[in-house]
Amino acid sequence: MADGPRSPEPPSDPPPEDGAERKPLRRRVTDAWNKLAPASKTGVIGVAAAVVAGVIVVAHARATAAATDDE
């Protein structure tokens, strides 16, 4: 038994444009980067730098812990 009228199903994602489908990944990334404002570019670079710094800190901590355990 139906409790009432059902809402229509949401439409599926539209098919990609022909031009967007044929562009290589590098070109799409370059286009997206060029569309960003300077402040957004600074934010992206800052986040990338923070991730790299975090990886370095974790690697150093693990190396230090391993060296301390050996002694």
PDB file of N, CA and C in Angstrom:
ATOM      1  N   MET A   1       0.837  -1.177   0.000  1.00  0.00           N
ATOM      2  CA  MET A   1       0.000   0.000   0.000  1.00  0.00           C
ATOM      3  C   MET A   1       0.881   1.239   0.000  1.00  0.00           C
ATOM      4  N   ALA A   2       0.445   2.202  -0.751  1.00  0.00           N
ATOM      5  CA  ALA A   2       1.213   3.439  -0.832  1.00  0.00           C
ATOM      6  C   ALA A   2       0.740   4.399   0.243  1.00  0.00           C
ATOM      7  N   ASP A   3       1.690   5.078   0.877  1.00  0.00           N
ATOM      8  CA  ASP A   3       1.367   6.063   1.908  1.00  0.00           C
ATOM      9  C   ASP A   3       1.043   7.416   1.307  1.00  0.00           C
ATOM     10  N   GLY A   4       1.261   7.594   0.093  1.00  0.00           N
ATOM     11  CA  GLY A   4       0.990   8.864  -0.562  1.00  0.00           C
ATOM     12  C   GLY A   4       1.768   8.942  -1.860  1.00  0.00           C
ATOM     13  N   PRO A   5       1.637  10.067  -2.538  1.00  0.00           N
ATOM     14  CA  PRO A   5       2.377  10.191  -3.798  1.00  0.00           C
ATOM     15  C   PRO A   5       3.883  10.266  -3.521  1.00  0.00           C
ATOM     16  N   ARG A   6       4.627   9.554  -4.320  1.00  0.00           N
ATOM     17  CA  ARG A   6       6.083   9.564  -4.165  1.00  0.00           C
ATOM     18  C   ARG A   6       6.671  10.738  -4.939  1.00  0.00           C
ATOM     19  N   SER A   7       7.748  11.247  -4.378  1.00  0.00           N
ATOM     20  CA  SER A   7       8.426  12.331  -5.098  1.00  0.00           C
ATOM     21  C   SER A   7       9.198  11.719  -6.267  1.00  0.00           C
ATOM     22  N   PRO A   8       9.312  12.452  -7.327  1.00  0.00           N
ATOM     23  CA  PRO A   8      10.043  11.901  -8.472  1.00  0.00           C
ATOM     24  C   PRO A   8      11.514  11.694  -8.114  1.00  0.00           C
ATOM     25  N   GLU A   9      12.114  10.701  -8.746  1.00  0.00           N
ATOM     26  CA  GLU A   9      13.522  10.421  -8.481  1.00  0.00           C
ATOM     27  C   GLU A   9      14.370  11.566  -9.011  1.00  0.00           C
ATOM     28  N   PRO A  10      15.461  11.873  -8.298  1.00  0.00           N
ATOM     29  CA  PRO A  10      16.304  12.972  -8.786  1.00  0.00           C
ATOM     30  C   PRO A  10      16.943  12.600 -10.119  1.00  0.00           C
ATOM     31  N   PRO A  11      17.125  13.581 -10.971  1.00  0.00           N
ATOM     32  CA  PRO A  11      17.716  13.277 -12.280  1.00  0.00           C
ATOM     33  C   PRO A  11      19.158  12.816 -12.110  1.00  0.00           C
ATOM     34  N   SER A  12      19.581  11.948 -13.003  1.00  0.00           N
ATOM     35  CA  SER A  12      20.965  11.490 -12.953  1.00  0.00           C
ATOM     36  C   SER A  12      21.874  12.626 -13.406  1.00  0.00           C
ATOM     37  N   ASP A  13      23.167  12.460 -13.154  1.00  0.00           N
ATOM     38  CA  ASP A  13      24.112  13.497 -13.548  1.00  0.00           C
ATOM     39  C   ASP A  13      24.055  13.694 -15.056  1.00  0.00           C
ATOM     40  N   PRO A  14      24.121  14.944 -15.477  1.00  0.00           N
ATOM     41  CA  PRO A  14      24.092  15.172 -16.922  1.00  0.00           C
ATOM     42  C   PRO A  14      25.366  14.642 -17.559  1.00  0.00           C
ATOM     43  N   PRO A  15      25.293  14.229 -18.791  1.00  0.00           N
ATOM     44  CA  PRO A  15      26.503  13.720 -19.456  1.00  0.00           C
ATOM     45  C   PRO A  15      27.531  14.841 -19.601  1.00  0.00           C
ATOM     46  N   PRO A  16      28.816  14.528 -19.522  1.00  0.00           N
ATOM     47  CA  PRO A  16      29.825  15.583 -19.670  1.00  0.00           C
ATOM     48  C   PRO A  16      29.800  16.160 -21.071  1.00  0.00           C
ATOM     49  N   GLU A  17      30.237  17.404 -21.148  1.00  0.00           N
ATOM     50  CA  GLU A  17      30.288  18.040 -22.459  1.00  0.00           C
ATOM     51  C   GLU A  17      31.335  17.336 -23.307  1.00  0.00           C
ATOM     52  N   ASP A  18      31.125  17.372 -24.587  1.00  0.00           N
ATOM     53  CA  ASP A  18      32.058  16.684 -25.489  1.00  0.00           C
ATOM     54  C   ASP A  18      33.474  17.223 -25.332  1.00  0.00           C
ATOM     55  N   GLY A  19      33.620  18.535 -25.205  1.00  0.00           N
ATOM     56  CA  GLY A  19      34.944  19.128 -25.086  1.00  0.00           C
ATOM     57  C   GLY A  19      35.618  18.748 -23.776  1.00  0.00           C
ATOM     58  N   ALA A  20      34.865  18.688 -22.683  1.00  0.00           N
ATOM     59  CA  ALA A  20      35.439  18.362 -21.382  1.00  0.00           C
ATOM     60  C   ALA A  20      35.870  16.907 -21.324  1.00  0.00           C
ATOM     61  N   GLU A  21      35.186  16.058 -22.057  1.00  0.00           N
ATOM     62  CA  GLU A  21      35.506  14.630 -22.030  1.00  0.00           C
ATOM     63  C   GLU A  21      36.807  14.356 -22.780  1.00  0.00           C
ATOM     64  N   ARG A  22      37.111  15.133 -23.762  1.00  0.00           N
ATOM     65  CA  ARG A  22      38.280  14.881 -24.594  1.00  0.00           C
ATOM     66  C   ARG A  22      39.540  15.555 -24.074  1.00  0.00           C
ATOM     67  N   LYS A  23      39.415  16.515 -23.148  1.00  0.00           N
ATOM     68  CA  LYS A  23      40.589  17.212 -22.637  1.00  0.00           C
ATOM     69  C   LYS A  23      41.394  16.281 -21.742  1.00  0.00           C
ATOM     70  N   PRO A  24      42.704  16.312 -21.856  1.00  0.00           N
ATOM     71  CA  PRO A  24      43.520  15.502 -20.950  1.00  0.00           C
ATOM     72  C   PRO A  24      43.482  16.078 -19.537  1.00  0.00           C
ATOM     73  N   LEU A  25      43.812  15.239 -18.581  1.00  0.00           N
ATOM     74  CA  LEU A  25      43.742  15.638 -17.183  1.00  0.00           C
ATOM     75  C   LEU A  25      44.599  16.861 -16.907  1.00  0.00           C
ATOM     76  N   ARG A  26      45.793  16.883 -17.453  1.00  0.00           N
ATOM     77  CA  ARG A  26      46.685  18.023 -17.205  1.00  0.00           C
ATOM     78  C   ARG A  26      46.048  19.328 -17.671  1.00  0.00           C
ATOM     79  N   ARG A  27      45.375  19.301 -18.794  1.00  0.00           N
ATOM     80  CA  ARG A  27      44.732  20.505 -19.321  1.00  0.00           C
ATOM     81  C   ARG A  27      43.574  20.936 -18.418  1.00  0.00           C
ATOM     82  N   ARG A  28      42.794  19.968 -17.922  1.00  0.00           N
ATOM     83  CA  ARG A  28      41.679  20.307 -17.034  1.00  0.00           C
ATOM     84  C   ARG A  28      42.183  20.907 -15.739  1.00  0.00           C
ATOM     85  N   VAL A  29      43.282  20.361 -15.187  1.00  0.00           N
ATOM     86  CA  VAL A  29      43.852  20.904 -13.947  1.00  0.00           C
ATOM     87  C   VAL A  29      44.371  22.313 -14.189  1.00  0.00           C
ATOM     88  N   THR A  30      45.040  22.513 -15.310  1.00  0.00           N
ATOM     89  CA  THR A  30      45.564  23.839 -15.647  1.00  0.00           C
ATOM     90  C   THR A  30      44.432  24.844 -15.797  1.00  0.00           C
ATOM     91  N   ASP A  31      43.368  24.456 -16.458  1.00  0.00           N
ATOM     92  CA  ASP A  31      42.220  25.351 -16.617  1.00  0.00           C
ATOM     93  C   ASP A  31      41.604  25.708 -15.270  1.00  0.00           C
ATOM     94  N   ALA A  32      41.471  24.719 -14.390  1.00  0.00           N
ATOM     95  CA  ALA A  32      40.899  24.979 -13.067  1.00  0.00           C
ATOM     96  C   ALA A  32      41.812  25.896 -12.263  1.00  0.00           C
ATOM     97  N   TRP A  33      43.129  25.685 -12.347  1.00  0.00           N
ATOM     98  CA  TRP A  33      44.081  26.529 -11.614  1.00  0.00           C
ATOM     99  C   TRP A  33      44.008  27.970 -12.121  1.00  0.00           C
ATOM    100  N   ASN A  34      43.902  28.149 -13.427  1.00  0.00           N
ATOM    101  CA  ASN A  34      43.855  29.494 -13.997  1.00  0.00           C
ATOM    102  C   ASN A  34      42.568  30.230 -13.637  1.00  0.00           C
ATOM    103  N   LYS A  35      41.511  29.509 -13.310  1.00  0.00           N
ATOM    104  CA  LYS A  35      40.248  30.141 -12.939  1.00  0.00           C
ATOM    105  C   LYS A  35      40.242  30.624 -11.492  1.00  0.00           C
ATOM    106  N   LEU A  36      41.190  30.123 -10.670  1.00  0.00           N
ATOM    107  CA  LEU A  36      41.222  30.513  -9.265  1.00  0.00           C
ATOM    108  C   LEU A  36      41.715  31.942  -9.101  1.00  0.00           C
ATOM    109  N   ALA A  37      41.174  32.614  -8.090  1.00  0.00           N
ATOM    110  CA  ALA A  37      41.630  33.949  -7.742  1.00  0.00           C
ATOM    111  C   ALA A  37      42.977  33.840  -7.022  1.00  0.00           C
ATOM    112  N   PRO A  38      43.756  34.911  -6.993  1.00  0.00           N
ATOM    113  CA  PRO A  38      45.062  34.854  -6.322  1.00  0.00           C
ATOM    114  C   PRO A  38      44.972  34.421  -4.857  1.00  0.00           C
ATOM    115  N   ALA A  39      43.950  34.851  -4.149  1.00  0.00           N
ATOM    116  CA  ALA A  39      43.809  34.455  -2.748  1.00  0.00           C
ATOM    117  C   ALA A  39      43.561  32.958  -2.629  1.00  0.00           C
ATOM    118  N   SER A  40      42.810  32.405  -3.536  1.00  0.00           N
ATOM    119  CA  SER A  40      42.550  30.960  -3.519  1.00  0.00           C
ATOM    120  C   SER A  40      43.816  30.181  -3.837  1.00  0.00           C
ATOM    121  N   LYS A  41      44.617  30.684  -4.766  1.00  0.00           N
ATOM    122  CA  LYS A  41      45.876  30.025  -5.094  1.00  0.00           C
ATOM    123  C   LYS A  41      46.794  30.013  -3.875  1.00  0.00           C
ATOM    124  N   THR A  42      46.820  31.121  -3.142  1.00  0.00           N
ATOM    125  CA  THR A  42      47.636  31.195  -1.928  1.00  0.00           C
ATOM    126  C   THR A  42      47.155  30.172  -0.914  1.00  0.00           C
ATOM    127  N   GLY A  43      45.858  30.010  -0.787  1.00  0.00           N
ATOM    128  CA  GLY A  43      45.308  29.021   0.138  1.00  0.00           C
ATOM    129  C   GLY A  43      45.669  27.602  -0.253  1.00  0.00           C
ATOM    130  N   VAL A  44      45.608  27.300  -1.527  1.00  0.00           N
ATOM    131  CA  VAL A  44      45.952  25.954  -2.010  1.00  0.00           C
ATOM    132  C   VAL A  44      47.422  25.666  -1.738  1.00  0.00           C
ATOM    133  N   ILE A  45      48.279  26.639  -2.009  1.00  0.00           N
ATOM    134  CA  ILE A  45      49.709  26.460  -1.760  1.00  0.00           C
ATOM    135  C   ILE A  45      49.967  26.301  -0.263  1.00  0.00           C
ATOM    136  N   GLY A  46      49.259  27.052   0.571  1.00  0.00           N
ATOM    137  CA  GLY A  46      49.418  26.935   2.024  1.00  0.00           C
ATOM    138  C   GLY A  46      49.013  25.562   2.536  1.00  0.00           C
ATOM    139  N   VAL A  47      47.929  25.042   2.041  1.00  0.00           N
ATOM    140  CA  VAL A  47      47.477  23.711   2.463  1.00  0.00           C
ATOM    141  C   VAL A  47      48.484  22.648   2.013  1.00  0.00           C
ATOM    142  N   ALA A  48      48.979  22.766   0.804  1.00  0.00           N
ATOM    143  CA  ALA A  48      49.973  21.807   0.317  1.00  0.00           C
ATOM    144  C   ALA A  48      51.236  21.864   1.171  1.00  0.00           C
ATOM    145  N   ALA A  49      51.671  23.062   1.536  1.00  0.00           N
ATOM    146  CA  ALA A  49      52.858  23.208   2.385  1.00  0.00           C
ATOM    147  C   ALA A  49      52.616  22.604   3.760  1.00  0.00           C
ATOM    148  N   ALA A  50      51.424  22.774   4.304  1.00  0.00           N
ATOM    149  CA  ALA A  50      51.106  22.199   5.609  1.00  0.00           C
ATOM    150  C   ALA A  50      51.113  20.672   5.553  1.00  0.00           C
ATOM    151  N   VAL A  51      50.617  20.108   4.486  1.00  0.00           N
ATOM    152  CA  VAL A  51      50.618  18.647   4.339  1.00  0.00           C
ATOM    153  C   VAL A  51      52.054  18.125   4.256  1.00  0.00           C
ATOM    154  N   VAL A  52      52.885  18.783   3.478  1.00  0.00           N
ATOM    155  CA  VAL A  52      54.285  18.364   3.360  1.00  0.00           C
ATOM    156  C   VAL A  52      54.982  18.474   4.712  1.00  0.00           C
ATOM    157  N   ALA A  53      54.757  19.567   5.423  1.00  0.00           N
ATOM    158  CA  ALA A  53      55.368  19.745   6.742  1.00  0.00           C
ATOM    159  C   ALA A  53      54.894  18.661   7.703  1.00  0.00           C
ATOM    160  N   GLY A  54      53.634  18.311   7.653  1.00  0.00           N
ATOM    161  CA  GLY A  54      53.100  17.257   8.505  1.00  0.00           C
ATOM    162  C   GLY A  54      53.737  15.913   8.222  1.00  0.00           C
ATOM    163  N   VAL A  55      53.932  15.610   6.958  1.00  0.00           N
ATOM    164  CA  VAL A  55      54.583  14.345   6.589  1.00  0.00           C
ATOM    165  C   VAL A  55      56.013  14.318   7.102  1.00  0.00           C
ATOM    166  N   ILE A  56      56.716  15.434   6.992  1.00  0.00           N
ATOM    167  CA  ILE A  56      58.097  15.502   7.478  1.00  0.00           C
ATOM    168  C   ILE A  56      58.143  15.316   8.989  1.00  0.00           C
ATOM    169  N   VAL A  57      57.228  15.951   9.714  1.00  0.00           N
ATOM    170  CA  VAL A  57      57.197  15.826  11.173  1.00  0.00           C
ATOM    171  C   VAL A  57      56.922  14.385  11.584  1.00  0.00           C
ATOM    172  N   VAL A  58      55.978  13.737  10.946  1.00  0.00           N
ATOM    173  CA  VAL A  58      55.651  12.349  11.290  1.00  0.00           C
ATOM    174  C   VAL A  58      56.826  11.434  10.970  1.00  0.00           C
ATOM    175  N   ALA A  59      57.465  11.627   9.829  1.00  0.00           N
ATOM    176  CA  ALA A  59      58.611  10.801   9.460  1.00  0.00           C
ATOM    177  C   ALA A  59      59.754  10.988  10.449  1.00  0.00           C
ATOM    178  N   HIS A  60      59.992  12.222  10.858  1.00  0.00           N
ATOM    179  CA  HIS A  60      61.057  12.491  11.829  1.00  0.00           C
ATOM    180  C   HIS A  60      60.737  11.863  13.181  1.00  0.00           C
ATOM    181  N   ALA A  61      59.488  11.964  13.605  1.00  0.00           N
ATOM    182  CA  ALA A  61      59.090  11.377  14.894  1.00  0.00           C
ATOM    183  C   ALA A  61      59.252   9.861  14.871  1.00  0.00           C
ATOM    184  N   ARG A  62      58.882   9.221  13.770  1.00  0.00           N
ATOM    185  CA  ARG A  62      59.029   7.767  13.672  1.00  0.00           C
ATOM    186  C   ARG A  62      60.501   7.367  13.651  1.00  0.00           C
ATOM    187  N   ALA A  63      61.333   8.128  12.943  1.00  0.00           N
ATOM    188  CA  ALA A  63      62.753   7.823  12.894  1.00  0.00           C
ATOM    189  C   ALA A  63      63.392   7.999  14.267  1.00  0.00           C
ATOM    190  N   THR A  64      62.997   9.047  14.975  1.00  0.00           N
ATOM    191  CA  THR A  64      63.535   9.299  16.304  1.00  0.00           C
ATOM    192  C   THR A  64      63.104   8.194  17.279  1.00  0.00           C
ATOM    193  N   ALA A  65      61.866   7.773  17.178  1.00  0.00           N
ATOM    194  CA  ALA A  65      61.371   6.712  18.057  1.00  0.00           C
ATOM    195  C   ALA A  65      62.088   5.409  17.769  1.00  0.00           C
ATOM    196  N   ALA A  66      62.347   5.112  16.516  1.00  0.00           N
ATOM    197  CA  ALA A  66      63.042   3.878  16.154  1.00  0.00           C
ATOM    198  C   ALA A  66      64.480   3.906  16.645  1.00  0.00           C
ATOM    199  N   ALA A  67      65.126   5.069  16.549  1.00  0.00           N
ATOM    200  CA  ALA A  67      66.512   5.185  17.014  1.00  0.00           C
ATOM    201  C   ALA A  67      66.580   5.077  18.527  1.00  0.00           C
ATOM    202  N   THR A  68      65.597   5.585  19.231  1.00  0.00           N
ATOM    203  CA  THR A  68      65.569   5.519  20.687  1.00  0.00           C
ATOM    204  C   THR A  68      65.322   4.090  21.156  1.00  0.00           C
ATOM    205  N   ASP A  69      64.490   3.349  20.423  1.00  0.00           N
ATOM    206  CA  ASP A  69      64.201   1.959  20.788  1.00  0.00           C
ATOM    207  C   ASP A  69      65.419   1.059  20.609  1.00  0.00           C
ATOM    208  N   ASP A  70      66.282   1.388  19.646  1.00  0.00           N
ATOM    209  CA  ASP A  70      67.464   0.574  19.375  1.00  0.00           C
ATOM    210  C   ASP A  70      68.504   0.676  20.487  1.00  0.00           C
ATOM    211  N   GLU A  71      68.504   1.784  21.181  1.00  0.00           N
ATOM    212  CA  GLU A  71      69.520   1.987  22.230  1.00  0.00           C
ATOM    213  C   GLU A  71      69.232   1.247  23.481  1.00  0.00           C
TER     214      GLU A  71
END
